[in-house]
Amino acid sequence: MAKSKHHLRQPRKSSSPSTQAFTVLILLTFVILVLLGLGILFIEKTYFLRFDISLCVYLSIFQRIKWKNDIIGAFMKLSNQIHPTRKFCFLKFIIKSQNSITTTFTLKKSEERKSYGEHENGERWVEVISWEPRAFVYHNFLSKEECEHLISLAKPNMVKSTVVDEKTGGSKDSRVRTSSGTFLRRGQDKIVEEIEQRISDFTFIPVENGEGLQVLHYEVGQKYEPHFDYFLDEFNIKNGGQRVATVLMYLSEVEEGGETVFPAAKGNISAVPWWNELSQCGKEGLSVMPKMGDALLFWSMTPDASLDPSSLHGGCPVIKGNKWSSTKWFHVHEFKD
């Protein structure tokens, strides 16, 4: 009788480092091809994009994707799992857009500085202020010359600020808003056009979805009580749909007061490094101090396209000095002047 042959199972060999690297390269290539197909990335001689992203990153770039809600929701859930109260992103990227405007900034967390006046060397960097509401400050977004230019355009046409009349959709005077202001035309001049394009690059929202810049002036004692930027009436959403985001740019330094406060923001509002620099009004919520050239971006809608009540915000009274600012409101669809 022939002896049976016993075959021993050979142990499975682990993948070599070169094989693993090749696999990662294939996956990365696939992701890039998908992004190219969706129109998120563009390959041109003058366009490049470099990402260095941590696990908690949330990108406004996904606002462009039709199925963005699933992706954004996944990032937000992942962010919550990493840390329930400090959902900070560490992001550094360089963008050269199609019109050859280069935007460079670093995304940092608030704890990385000791006070609000730190990092005044002109470096452009983005700070995550809050995730409920989603709020970010782009430091040194405007130059001093650009701030002064917007003020000079607005000064001859300043009138008392009004609020939206929810019954008629028009404007009306109100004691909750005591500043003066005026609107600039979209693309009014070359400088305004460049600023608006930069805002669009920052938010990843098309220029045509934005209203014209509104320039505001607050003197001592003037304020804007907490309010929502989204509409609760049917009249104002006929043009462009609901307001989805706001970019508030600070055009002057304010000696005291004038903070932008979010009374309904979630989290430990007193944990910010500049807490002791705030006015009493500023301590009634999560607050951003006005600094010339900085731009505050916050979203009035959540990633699932519902209105965000935590975006309630107001302008604290100016205690000392003057406050100049400029606001850009973005709608879901194209806004026609």
C-alpha atoms as a PDB file:
ATOM      1  CA  MET A   1       0.000   0.000   0.000  1.00  0.00           C
ATOM      2  CA  ALA A   2       1.407   3.330  -0.997  1.00  0.00           C
ATOM      3  CA  LYS A   3       2.147   5.712   1.785  1.00  0.00           C
ATOM      4  CA  SER A   4      -0.170   8.696   1.932  1.00  0.00           C
ATOM      5  CA  LYS A   5       1.435  12.027   1.392  1.00  0.00           C
ATOM      6  CA  HIS A   6       0.916  14.712   3.966  1.00  0.00           C
ATOM      7  CA  HIS A   7       0.962  18.259   2.711  1.00  0.00           C
ATOM      8  CA  LEU A   8       1.838  20.860   5.261  1.00  0.00           C
ATOM      9  CA  ARG A   9       0.093  24.257   4.869  1.00  0.00           C
ATOM     10  CA  GLN A  10       2.633  26.934   4.285  1.00  0.00           C
ATOM     11  CA  PRO A  11       2.270  29.985   6.574  1.00  0.00           C
ATOM     12  CA  ARG A  12       0.909  33.050   4.800  1.00  0.00           C
ATOM     13  CA  LYS A  13       3.573  35.598   4.108  1.00  0.00           C
ATOM     14  CA  SER A  14       2.949  39.115   5.364  1.00  0.00           C
ATOM     15  CA  SER A  15       2.881  41.878   2.812  1.00  0.00           C
ATOM     16  CA  SER A  16       6.186  43.552   2.259  1.00  0.00           C
ATOM     17  CA  PRO A  17       6.558  47.299   2.900  1.00  0.00           C
ATOM     18  CA  SER A  18       6.840  47.899  -0.828  1.00  0.00           C
ATOM     19  CA  THR A  19       3.542  46.061  -1.454  1.00  0.00           C
ATOM     20  CA  GLN A  20       1.795  48.071   1.251  1.00  0.00           C
ATOM     21  CA  ALA A  21       3.146  51.320  -0.160  1.00  0.00           C
ATOM     22  CA  PHE A  22       1.956  50.334  -3.633  1.00  0.00           C
ATOM     23  CA  THR A  23      -1.526  49.577  -2.270  1.00  0.00           C
ATOM     24  CA  VAL A  24      -1.697  52.974  -0.574  1.00  0.00           C
ATOM     25  CA  LEU A  25      -0.578  54.644  -3.792  1.00  0.00           C
ATOM     26  CA  ILE A  26      -3.338  52.866  -5.760  1.00  0.00           C
ATOM     27  CA  LEU A  27      -5.973  53.948  -3.223  1.00  0.00           C
ATOM     28  CA  LEU A  28      -4.713  57.526  -3.256  1.00  0.00           C
ATOM     29  CA  THR A  29      -4.827  57.590  -7.045  1.00  0.00           C
ATOM     30  CA  PHE A  30      -8.411  56.326  -6.956  1.00  0.00           C
ATOM     31  CA  VAL A  31      -9.449  59.067  -4.494  1.00  0.00           C
ATOM     32  CA  ILE A  32      -7.819  61.758  -6.646  1.00  0.00           C
ATOM     33  CA  LEU A  33      -9.592  60.449  -9.750  1.00  0.00           C
ATOM     34  CA  VAL A  34     -12.930  60.556  -7.910  1.00  0.00           C
ATOM     35  CA  LEU A  35     -12.293  64.140  -6.778  1.00  0.00           C
ATOM     36  CA  LEU A  36     -11.349  65.119 -10.304  1.00  0.00           C
ATOM     37  CA  GLY A  37     -14.486  63.502 -11.651  1.00  0.00           C
ATOM     38  CA  LEU A  38     -16.631  65.423  -9.177  1.00  0.00           C
ATOM     39  CA  GLY A  39     -14.986  68.677 -10.169  1.00  0.00           C
ATOM     40  CA  ILE A  40     -13.509  69.264  -6.708  1.00  0.00           C
ATOM     41  CA  LEU A  41      -9.911  69.226  -7.942  1.00  0.00           C
ATOM     42  CA  PHE A  42      -8.654  70.787 -11.134  1.00  0.00           C
ATOM     43  CA  ILE A  43      -5.393  69.931 -12.844  1.00  0.00           C
ATOM     44  CA  GLU A  44      -3.909  72.966 -14.514  1.00  0.00           C
ATOM     45  CA  LYS A  45      -0.453  74.376 -14.911  1.00  0.00           C
ATOM     46  CA  THR A  46      -1.312  77.087 -12.393  1.00  0.00           C
ATOM     47  CA  TYR A  47      -3.334  75.004  -9.934  1.00  0.00           C
ATOM     48  CA  PHE A  48      -2.137  72.772  -7.177  1.00  0.00           C
ATOM     49  CA  LEU A  49      -3.511  71.542  -3.878  1.00  0.00           C
ATOM     50  CA  ARG A  50      -1.582  70.058  -0.971  1.00  0.00           C
ATOM     51  CA  PHE A  51      -3.281  68.511   2.072  1.00  0.00           C
ATOM     52  CA  ASP A  52      -1.861  67.559   5.435  1.00  0.00           C
ATOM     53  CA  ILE A  53      -4.966  66.436   7.356  1.00  0.00           C
ATOM     54  CA  SER A  54      -5.586  64.927  10.806  1.00  0.00           C
ATOM     55  CA  LEU A  55      -8.427  62.498  11.533  1.00  0.00           C
ATOM     56  CA  CYS A  56     -10.729  65.191  12.957  1.00  0.00           C
ATOM     57  CA  VAL A  57     -10.652  67.338   9.819  1.00  0.00           C
ATOM     58  CA  TYR A  58     -13.869  68.775   8.442  1.00  0.00           C
ATOM     59  CA  LEU A  59     -13.607  70.536   5.096  1.00  0.00           C
ATOM     60  CA  SER A  60     -15.969  73.123   3.657  1.00  0.00           C
ATOM     61  CA  ILE A  61     -14.882  71.728   0.302  1.00  0.00           C
ATOM     62  CA  PHE A  62     -17.563  69.057   0.691  1.00  0.00           C
ATOM     63  CA  GLN A  63     -20.187  71.777   0.364  1.00  0.00           C
ATOM     64  CA  ARG A  64     -19.756  71.287  -3.384  1.00  0.00           C
ATOM     65  CA  ILE A  65     -20.695  67.615  -3.411  1.00  0.00           C
ATOM     66  CA  LYS A  66     -24.313  66.676  -4.087  1.00  0.00           C
ATOM     67  CA  TRP A  67     -24.094  63.838  -1.586  1.00  0.00           C
ATOM     68  CA  LYS A  68     -22.172  66.047   0.863  1.00  0.00           C
ATOM     69  CA  ASN A  69     -24.513  65.357   3.781  1.00  0.00           C
ATOM     70  CA  ASP A  70     -23.336  61.759   4.120  1.00  0.00           C
ATOM     71  CA  ILE A  71     -19.671  62.735   3.996  1.00  0.00           C
ATOM     72  CA  ILE A  72     -20.009  65.713   6.338  1.00  0.00           C
ATOM     73  CA  GLY A  73     -22.084  63.627   8.728  1.00  0.00           C
ATOM     74  CA  ALA A  74     -19.387  60.972   8.781  1.00  0.00           C
ATOM     75  CA  PHE A  75     -16.703  63.546   9.555  1.00  0.00           C
ATOM     76  CA  MET A  76     -18.797  65.105  12.306  1.00  0.00           C
ATOM     77  CA  LYS A  77     -19.466  61.693  13.897  1.00  0.00           C
ATOM     78  CA  LEU A  78     -15.777  60.848  13.706  1.00  0.00           C
ATOM     79  CA  SER A  79     -14.964  64.212  15.240  1.00  0.00           C
ATOM     80  CA  ASN A  80     -17.355  63.557  18.124  1.00  0.00           C
ATOM     81  CA  GLN A  81     -15.762  60.185  18.767  1.00  0.00           C
ATOM     82  CA  ILE A  82     -12.284  61.675  18.905  1.00  0.00           C
ATOM     83  CA  HIS A  83     -13.150  64.335  21.480  1.00  0.00           C
ATOM     84  CA  PRO A  84     -16.610  65.449  22.620  1.00  0.00           C
ATOM     85  CA  THR A  85     -15.731  69.083  23.299  1.00  0.00           C
ATOM     86  CA  ARG A  86     -12.611  69.918  21.307  1.00  0.00           C
ATOM     87  CA  LYS A  87     -13.287  69.022  17.700  1.00  0.00           C
ATOM     88  CA  PHE A  88     -10.326  70.886  16.253  1.00  0.00           C
ATOM     89  CA  CYS A  89      -8.786  70.340  12.852  1.00  0.00           C
ATOM     90  CA  PHE A  90      -5.172  70.679  11.917  1.00  0.00           C
ATOM     91  CA  LEU A  91      -5.036  71.612   8.283  1.00  0.00           C
ATOM     92  CA  LYS A  92      -2.430  73.265   6.156  1.00  0.00           C
ATOM     93  CA  PHE A  93      -2.971  73.757   2.470  1.00  0.00           C
ATOM     94  CA  ILE A  94      -2.043  75.958  -0.432  1.00  0.00           C
ATOM     95  CA  ILE A  95      -4.495  76.798  -3.184  1.00  0.00           C
ATOM     96  CA  LYS A  96      -3.787  78.565  -6.421  1.00  0.00           C
ATOM     97  CA  SER A  97      -7.206  79.176  -7.894  1.00  0.00           C
ATOM     98  CA  GLN A  98      -8.138  79.417 -11.555  1.00  0.00           C
ATOM     99  CA  ASN A  99      -7.779  83.214 -11.522  1.00  0.00           C
ATOM    100  CA  SER A 100      -4.204  82.891 -10.200  1.00  0.00           C
ATOM    101  CA  ILE A 101      -5.018  84.209  -6.715  1.00  0.00           C
ATOM    102  CA  THR A 102      -2.933  82.270  -4.204  1.00  0.00           C
ATOM    103  CA  THR A 103      -4.461  81.521  -0.819  1.00  0.00           C
ATOM    104  CA  THR A 104      -2.236  80.114   1.922  1.00  0.00           C
ATOM    105  CA  PHE A 105      -3.268  79.468   5.494  1.00  0.00           C
ATOM    106  CA  THR A 106      -2.925  77.137   8.434  1.00  0.00           C
ATOM    107  CA  LEU A 107      -5.843  75.855  10.508  1.00  0.00           C
ATOM    108  CA  LYS A 108      -5.140  75.851  14.250  1.00  0.00           C
ATOM    109  CA  LYS A 109      -6.950  75.416  17.525  1.00  0.00           C
ATOM    110  CA  SER A 110      -7.668  78.241  19.972  1.00  0.00           C
ATOM    111  CA  GLU A 111      -5.534  76.754  22.759  1.00  0.00           C
ATOM    112  CA  GLU A 112      -2.397  77.298  20.679  1.00  0.00           C
ATOM    113  CA  ARG A 113      -2.278  80.964  21.658  1.00  0.00           C
ATOM    114  CA  LYS A 114      -2.462  82.837  24.929  1.00  0.00           C
ATOM    115  CA  SER A 115      -4.520  85.871  23.941  1.00  0.00           C
ATOM    116  CA  TYR A 116      -6.570  87.246  21.066  1.00  0.00           C
ATOM    117  CA  GLY A 117      -3.820  89.651  19.989  1.00  0.00           C
ATOM    118  CA  GLU A 118      -1.263  86.935  19.337  1.00  0.00           C
ATOM    119  CA  HIS A 119      -0.089  86.021  15.802  1.00  0.00           C
ATOM    120  CA  GLU A 120      -0.026  89.625  14.536  1.00  0.00           C
ATOM    121  CA  ASN A 121       2.848  89.075  12.119  1.00  0.00           C
ATOM    122  CA  GLY A 122       0.557  89.173   9.084  1.00  0.00           C
ATOM    123  CA  GLU A 123       0.410  85.394   8.659  1.00  0.00           C
ATOM    124  CA  ARG A 124      -2.852  84.130   7.228  1.00  0.00           C
ATOM    125  CA  TRP A 125      -4.251  81.349   9.358  1.00  0.00           C
ATOM    126  CA  VAL A 126      -7.661  79.930  10.140  1.00  0.00           C
ATOM    127  CA  GLU A 127      -8.881  79.285  13.660  1.00  0.00           C
ATOM    128  CA  VAL A 128     -11.697  76.898  14.534  1.00  0.00           C
ATOM    129  CA  ILE A 129     -13.954  78.819  16.919  1.00  0.00           C
ATOM    130  CA  SER A 130     -16.872  76.418  17.243  1.00  0.00           C
ATOM    131  CA  TRP A 131     -18.578  73.400  15.701  1.00  0.00           C
ATOM    132  CA  GLU A 132     -22.026  74.305  17.054  1.00  0.00           C
ATOM    133  CA  PRO A 133     -22.424  76.641  15.278  1.00  0.00           C
ATOM    134  CA  ARG A 134     -19.748  75.962  12.674  1.00  0.00           C
ATOM    135  CA  ALA A 135     -17.613  79.084  13.010  1.00  0.00           C
ATOM    136  CA  PHE A 136     -14.077  79.877  11.812  1.00  0.00           C
ATOM    137  CA  VAL A 137     -11.899  82.994  11.893  1.00  0.00           C
ATOM    138  CA  TYR A 138      -9.564  83.659   8.973  1.00  0.00           C
ATOM    139  CA  HIS A 139      -6.927  85.935  10.481  1.00  0.00           C
ATOM    140  CA  ASN A 140      -5.399  88.675   8.312  1.00  0.00           C
ATOM    141  CA  PHE A 141      -7.903  87.960   5.558  1.00  0.00           C
ATOM    142  CA  LEU A 142      -7.880  91.614   4.438  1.00  0.00           C
ATOM    143  CA  SER A 143      -4.969  94.020   4.259  1.00  0.00           C
ATOM    144  CA  LYS A 144      -5.103  97.398   5.996  1.00  0.00           C
ATOM    145  CA  GLU A 145      -5.393  99.080   2.600  1.00  0.00           C
ATOM    146  CA  GLU A 146      -8.364  96.896   1.632  1.00  0.00           C
ATOM    147  CA  CYS A 147     -10.119  97.695   4.913  1.00  0.00           C
ATOM    148  CA  GLU A 148      -9.616 101.415   4.390  1.00  0.00           C
ATOM    149  CA  HIS A 149     -10.812 101.140   0.793  1.00  0.00           C
ATOM    150  CA  LEU A 150     -14.120  99.537   1.803  1.00  0.00           C
ATOM    151  CA  ILE A 151     -14.664 102.215   4.448  1.00  0.00           C
ATOM    152  CA  SER A 152     -13.946 105.020   1.975  1.00  0.00           C
ATOM    153  CA  LEU A 153     -16.432 103.541  -0.522  1.00  0.00           C
ATOM    154  CA  ALA A 154     -19.141 103.322   2.114  1.00  0.00           C
ATOM    155  CA  LYS A 155     -18.746 106.623   4.012  1.00  0.00           C
ATOM    156  CA  PRO A 156     -20.610 108.892   1.546  1.00  0.00           C
ATOM    157  CA  ASN A 157     -23.709 106.654   1.570  1.00  0.00           C
ATOM    158  CA  MET A 158     -24.133 105.610   5.198  1.00  0.00           C
ATOM    159  CA  VAL A 159     -27.707 105.504   6.539  1.00  0.00           C
ATOM    160  CA  LYS A 160     -29.329 104.106   9.678  1.00  0.00           C
ATOM    161  CA  SER A 161     -29.317 100.303   9.626  1.00  0.00           C
ATOM    162  CA  THR A 162     -32.595  98.432   9.337  1.00  0.00           C
ATOM    163  CA  VAL A 163     -33.848  94.896   9.936  1.00  0.00           C
ATOM    164  CA  VAL A 164     -36.025  92.570   7.859  1.00  0.00           C
ATOM    165  CA  ASP A 165     -39.783  92.887   8.278  1.00  0.00           C
ATOM    166  CA  GLU A 166     -40.979  89.278   8.420  1.00  0.00           C
ATOM    167  CA  LYS A 167     -44.547  90.272   7.505  1.00  0.00           C
ATOM    168  CA  THR A 168     -43.723  92.146   4.317  1.00  0.00           C
ATOM    169  CA  GLY A 169     -40.181  90.999   3.470  1.00  0.00           C
ATOM    170  CA  GLY A 170     -39.071  94.637   3.374  1.00  0.00           C
ATOM    171  CA  SER A 171     -36.893  96.675   5.724  1.00  0.00           C
ATOM    172  CA  LYS A 172     -37.851  98.522   8.876  1.00  0.00           C
ATOM    173  CA  ASP A 173     -36.211 100.494  11.677  1.00  0.00           C
ATOM    174  CA  SER A 174     -35.641  98.703  14.952  1.00  0.00           C
ATOM    175  CA  ARG A 175     -34.068  99.453  18.316  1.00  0.00           C
ATOM    176  CA  VAL A 176     -32.321  96.072  18.223  1.00  0.00           C
ATOM    177  CA  ARG A 177     -29.972  97.417  15.541  1.00  0.00           C
ATOM    178  CA  THR A 178     -28.522 100.871  16.100  1.00  0.00           C
ATOM    179  CA  SER A 179     -25.613 101.008  13.662  1.00  0.00           C
ATOM    180  CA  SER A 180     -25.385 102.787  10.308  1.00  0.00           C
ATOM    181  CA  GLY A 181     -24.559 101.083   7.039  1.00  0.00           C
ATOM    182  CA  THR A 182     -24.746 100.814   3.276  1.00  0.00           C
ATOM    183  CA  PHE A 183     -24.520  98.186   0.558  1.00  0.00           C
ATOM    184  CA  LEU A 184     -21.836  98.003  -2.121  1.00  0.00           C
ATOM    185  CA  ARG A 185     -22.601  96.572  -5.528  1.00  0.00           C
ATOM    186  CA  ARG A 186     -21.259  93.114  -6.219  1.00  0.00           C
ATOM    187  CA  GLY A 187     -18.020  93.611  -8.144  1.00  0.00           C
ATOM    188  CA  GLN A 188     -18.280  97.396  -7.656  1.00  0.00           C
ATOM    189  CA  ASP A 189     -14.607  97.894  -8.458  1.00  0.00           C
ATOM    190  CA  LYS A 190     -11.502  95.781  -8.920  1.00  0.00           C
ATOM    191  CA  ILE A 191     -10.623  95.675  -5.217  1.00  0.00           C
ATOM    192  CA  VAL A 192     -14.154  94.694  -4.219  1.00  0.00           C
ATOM    193  CA  GLU A 193     -14.162  92.037  -6.918  1.00  0.00           C
ATOM    194  CA  GLU A 194     -10.876  90.588  -5.650  1.00  0.00           C
ATOM    195  CA  ILE A 195     -12.170  90.503  -2.069  1.00  0.00           C
ATOM    196  CA  GLU A 196     -15.379  88.779  -3.136  1.00  0.00           C
ATOM    197  CA  GLN A 197     -13.425  86.167  -5.078  1.00  0.00           C
ATOM    198  CA  ARG A 198     -11.212  85.565  -2.048  1.00  0.00           C
ATOM    199  CA  ILE A 199     -14.305  85.092   0.109  1.00  0.00           C
ATOM    200  CA  SER A 200     -15.628  82.579  -2.410  1.00  0.00           C
ATOM    201  CA  ASP A 201     -12.308  80.710  -2.353  1.00  0.00           C
ATOM    202  CA  PHE A 202     -12.446  80.612   1.449  1.00  0.00           C
ATOM    203  CA  THR A 203     -16.038  79.381   1.698  1.00  0.00           C
ATOM    204  CA  PHE A 204     -16.145  77.294  -1.510  1.00  0.00           C
ATOM    205  CA  ILE A 205     -19.439  79.032  -2.321  1.00  0.00           C
ATOM    206  CA  PRO A 206     -19.804  80.659  -5.779  1.00  0.00           C
ATOM    207  CA  VAL A 207     -19.528  84.444  -5.934  1.00  0.00           C
ATOM    208  CA  GLU A 208     -22.942  84.680  -7.600  1.00  0.00           C
ATOM    209  CA  ASN A 209     -24.587  83.129  -4.525  1.00  0.00           C
ATOM    210  CA  GLY A 210     -23.584  86.104  -2.414  1.00  0.00           C
ATOM    211  CA  GLU A 211     -25.290  89.413  -1.753  1.00  0.00           C
ATOM    212  CA  GLY A 212     -23.362  92.632  -2.187  1.00  0.00           C
ATOM    213  CA  LEU A 213     -21.052  93.596   0.658  1.00  0.00           C
ATOM    214  CA  GLN A 214     -22.723  95.519   3.459  1.00  0.00           C
ATOM    215  CA  VAL A 215     -20.449  97.948   5.319  1.00  0.00           C
ATOM    216  CA  LEU A 216     -21.465  98.819   8.894  1.00  0.00           C
ATOM    217  CA  HIS A 217     -20.329 101.446  11.378  1.00  0.00           C
ATOM    218  CA  TYR A 218     -20.873 101.198  15.142  1.00  0.00           C
ATOM    219  CA  GLU A 219     -20.168 104.163  17.406  1.00  0.00           C
ATOM    220  CA  VAL A 220     -19.963 104.039  21.211  1.00  0.00           C
ATOM    221  CA  GLY A 221     -23.073 102.389  22.635  1.00  0.00           C
ATOM    222  CA  GLN A 222     -24.309 101.068  19.290  1.00  0.00           C
ATOM    223  CA  LYS A 223     -25.051  97.354  18.964  1.00  0.00           C
ATOM    224  CA  TYR A 224     -27.004  94.623  17.208  1.00  0.00           C
ATOM    225  CA  GLU A 225     -29.097  92.403  19.464  1.00  0.00           C
ATOM    226  CA  PRO A 226     -28.820  88.590  18.965  1.00  0.00           C
ATOM    227  CA  HIS A 227     -30.575  87.464  15.800  1.00  0.00           C
ATOM    228  CA  PHE A 228     -30.475  84.872  13.024  1.00  0.00           C
ATOM    229  CA  ASP A 229     -29.187  85.568   9.535  1.00  0.00           C
ATOM    230  CA  TYR A 230     -31.514  82.992   8.008  1.00  0.00           C
ATOM    231  CA  PHE A 231     -35.045  84.033   7.074  1.00  0.00           C
ATOM    232  CA  LEU A 232     -38.271  82.991   8.744  1.00  0.00           C
ATOM    233  CA  ASP A 233     -40.526  84.499   6.068  1.00  0.00           C
ATOM    234  CA  GLU A 234     -41.394  83.426   2.544  1.00  0.00           C
ATOM    235  CA  PHE A 235     -40.537  86.705   0.836  1.00  0.00           C
ATOM    236  CA  ASN A 236     -36.777  86.857   1.253  1.00  0.00           C
ATOM    237  CA  ILE A 237     -36.071  83.282   0.166  1.00  0.00           C
ATOM    238  CA  LYS A 238     -37.548  83.872  -3.291  1.00  0.00           C
ATOM    239  CA  ASN A 239     -34.233  85.327  -4.441  1.00  0.00           C
ATOM    240  CA  GLY A 240     -31.490  82.755  -4.019  1.00  0.00           C
ATOM    241  CA  GLY A 241     -33.229  80.637  -1.430  1.00  0.00           C
ATOM    242  CA  GLN A 242     -32.267  80.530   2.224  1.00  0.00           C
ATOM    243  CA  ARG A 243     -29.115  82.167   3.581  1.00  0.00           C
ATOM    244  CA  VAL A 244     -26.611  79.419   4.258  1.00  0.00           C
ATOM    245  CA  ALA A 245     -23.495  81.240   5.507  1.00  0.00           C
ATOM    246  CA  THR A 246     -22.158  84.616   6.607  1.00  0.00           C
ATOM    247  CA  VAL A 247     -18.683  86.112   6.324  1.00  0.00           C
ATOM    248  CA  LEU A 248     -18.159  89.051   8.678  1.00  0.00           C
ATOM    249  CA  MET A 249     -14.978  91.044   8.092  1.00  0.00           C
ATOM    250  CA  TYR A 250     -13.605  93.477  10.668  1.00  0.00           C
ATOM    251  CA  LEU A 251     -12.350  96.688   9.055  1.00  0.00           C
ATOM    252  CA  SER A 252     -11.033  98.519  12.130  1.00  0.00           C
ATOM    253  CA  GLU A 253      -9.584  97.955  15.562  1.00  0.00           C
ATOM    254  CA  VAL A 254     -11.955  98.482  18.500  1.00  0.00           C
ATOM    255  CA  GLU A 255     -10.495  99.650  21.791  1.00  0.00           C
ATOM    256  CA  GLU A 256     -13.160  97.968  23.899  1.00  0.00           C
ATOM    257  CA  GLY A 257     -16.372  96.049  23.251  1.00  0.00           C
ATOM    258  CA  GLY A 258     -17.890  95.332  19.838  1.00  0.00           C
ATOM    259  CA  GLU A 259     -17.458  91.566  20.032  1.00  0.00           C
ATOM    260  CA  THR A 260     -19.502  89.177  17.910  1.00  0.00           C
ATOM    261  CA  VAL A 261     -21.253  86.921  20.420  1.00  0.00           C
ATOM    262  CA  PHE A 262     -22.974  83.551  19.903  1.00  0.00           C
ATOM    263  CA  PRO A 263     -25.286  83.147  22.946  1.00  0.00           C
ATOM    264  CA  ALA A 264     -26.521  79.688  21.890  1.00  0.00           C
ATOM    265  CA  ALA A 265     -23.116  78.180  21.051  1.00  0.00           C
ATOM    266  CA  LYS A 266     -22.382  74.756  22.525  1.00  0.00           C
ATOM    267  CA  GLY A 267     -19.355  73.992  24.654  1.00  0.00           C
ATOM    268  CA  ASN A 268     -17.307  75.642  27.390  1.00  0.00           C
ATOM    269  CA  ILE A 269     -17.453  79.277  26.291  1.00  0.00           C
ATOM    270  CA  SER A 270     -15.098  80.467  29.043  1.00  0.00           C
ATOM    271  CA  ALA A 271     -12.290  78.185  27.841  1.00  0.00           C
ATOM    272  CA  VAL A 272     -11.134  80.632  25.150  1.00  0.00           C
ATOM    273  CA  PRO A 273      -7.728  82.225  25.898  1.00  0.00           C
ATOM    274  CA  TRP A 274      -9.156  85.744  25.464  1.00  0.00           C
ATOM    275  CA  TRP A 275     -11.931  85.327  28.041  1.00  0.00           C
ATOM    276  CA  ASN A 276     -10.537  88.011  30.367  1.00  0.00           C
ATOM    277  CA  GLU A 277     -10.337  90.491  27.478  1.00  0.00           C
ATOM    278  CA  LEU A 278     -14.085  90.336  26.779  1.00  0.00           C
ATOM    279  CA  SER A 279     -16.712  92.850  27.815  1.00  0.00           C
ATOM    280  CA  GLN A 280     -19.651  91.762  29.969  1.00  0.00           C
ATOM    281  CA  CYS A 281     -21.750  91.336  26.812  1.00  0.00           C
ATOM    282  CA  GLY A 282     -19.004  89.229  25.255  1.00  0.00           C
ATOM    283  CA  LYS A 283     -19.108  86.836  28.201  1.00  0.00           C
ATOM    284  CA  GLU A 284     -22.776  86.040  27.545  1.00  0.00           C
ATOM    285  CA  GLY A 285     -21.785  83.500  24.897  1.00  0.00           C
ATOM    286  CA  LEU A 286     -18.939  82.344  22.688  1.00  0.00           C
ATOM    287  CA  SER A 287     -17.364  85.559  21.399  1.00  0.00           C
ATOM    288  CA  VAL A 288     -14.995  86.713  18.678  1.00  0.00           C
ATOM    289  CA  MET A 289     -13.135  89.973  19.247  1.00  0.00           C
ATOM    290  CA  PRO A 290     -12.998  92.462  16.345  1.00  0.00           C
ATOM    291  CA  LYS A 291      -9.519  92.756  14.851  1.00  0.00           C
ATOM    292  CA  MET A 292      -8.780  94.676  11.660  1.00  0.00           C
ATOM    293  CA  GLY A 293      -8.391  92.346   8.697  1.00  0.00           C
ATOM    294  CA  ASP A 294      -9.911  89.245  10.314  1.00  0.00           C
ATOM    295  CA  ALA A 295     -12.890  87.482   8.724  1.00  0.00           C
ATOM    296  CA  LEU A 296     -15.423  85.413  10.664  1.00  0.00           C
ATOM    297  CA  LEU A 297     -17.210  82.653   8.731  1.00  0.00           C
ATOM    298  CA  PHE A 298     -20.207  80.950  10.307  1.00  0.00           C
ATOM    299  CA  TRP A 299     -22.926  78.736   8.872  1.00  0.00           C
ATOM    300  CA  SER A 300     -26.640  79.378   9.376  1.00  0.00           C
ATOM    301  CA  MET A 301     -27.543  75.884   8.208  1.00  0.00           C
ATOM    302  CA  THR A 302     -26.357  72.499   9.418  1.00  0.00           C
ATOM    303  CA  PRO A 303     -24.824  69.900   7.061  1.00  0.00           C
ATOM    304  CA  ASP A 304     -28.246  68.268   6.618  1.00  0.00           C
ATOM    305  CA  ALA A 305     -29.579  71.588   5.234  1.00  0.00           C
ATOM    306  CA  SER A 306     -31.721  72.413   8.275  1.00  0.00           C
ATOM    307  CA  LEU A 307     -31.619  75.806   9.981  1.00  0.00           C
ATOM    308  CA  ASP A 308     -29.093  76.009  12.802  1.00  0.00           C
ATOM    309  CA  PRO A 309     -30.485  77.709  15.940  1.00  0.00           C
ATOM    310  CA  SER A 310     -27.001  77.750  17.479  1.00  0.00           C
ATOM    311  CA  SER A 311     -26.031  80.349  14.830  1.00  0.00           C
ATOM    312  CA  LEU A 312     -27.877  82.989  16.883  1.00  0.00           C
ATOM    313  CA  HIS A 313     -25.446  85.904  17.106  1.00  0.00           C
ATOM    314  CA  GLY A 314     -25.227  89.578  17.959  1.00  0.00           C
ATOM    315  CA  GLY A 315     -22.908  92.572  17.955  1.00  0.00           C
ATOM    316  CA  CYS A 316     -21.978  93.734  21.453  1.00  0.00           C
ATOM    317  CA  PRO A 317     -22.105  97.482  22.196  1.00  0.00           C
ATOM    318  CA  VAL A 318     -18.946  99.412  21.444  1.00  0.00           C
ATOM    319  CA  ILE A 319     -17.588 100.686  24.749  1.00  0.00           C
ATOM    320  CA  LYS A 320     -14.603 102.633  23.498  1.00  0.00           C
ATOM    321  CA  GLY A 321     -13.591 103.572  19.951  1.00  0.00           C
ATOM    322  CA  ASN A 322     -15.336 102.856  16.643  1.00  0.00           C
ATOM    323  CA  LYS A 323     -16.164  99.622  14.889  1.00  0.00           C
ATOM    324  CA  TRP A 324     -16.260  99.217  11.108  1.00  0.00           C
ATOM    325  CA  SER A 325     -17.202  95.878   9.590  1.00  0.00           C
ATOM    326  CA  SER A 326     -18.366  94.369   6.311  1.00  0.00           C
ATOM    327  CA  THR A 327     -20.782  91.482   5.875  1.00  0.00           C
ATOM    328  CA  LYS A 328     -21.232  89.047   3.006  1.00  0.00           C
ATOM    329  CA  TRP A 329     -24.332  86.822   3.090  1.00  0.00           C
ATOM    330  CA  PHE A 330     -24.440  83.677   0.961  1.00  0.00           C
ATOM    331  CA  HIS A 331     -27.572  81.928  -0.285  1.00  0.00           C
ATOM    332  CA  VAL A 332     -28.176  78.330  -1.281  1.00  0.00           C
ATOM    333  CA  HIS A 333     -28.679  79.352  -4.921  1.00  0.00           C
ATOM    334  CA  GLU A 334     -27.657  82.249  -7.141  1.00  0.00           C
ATOM    335  CA  PHE A 335     -28.635  85.628  -5.722  1.00  0.00           C
ATOM    336  CA  LYS A 336     -29.661  88.199  -8.305  1.00  0.00           C
ATOM    337  CA  ASP A 337     -28.922  91.861  -7.547  1.00  0.00           C
END
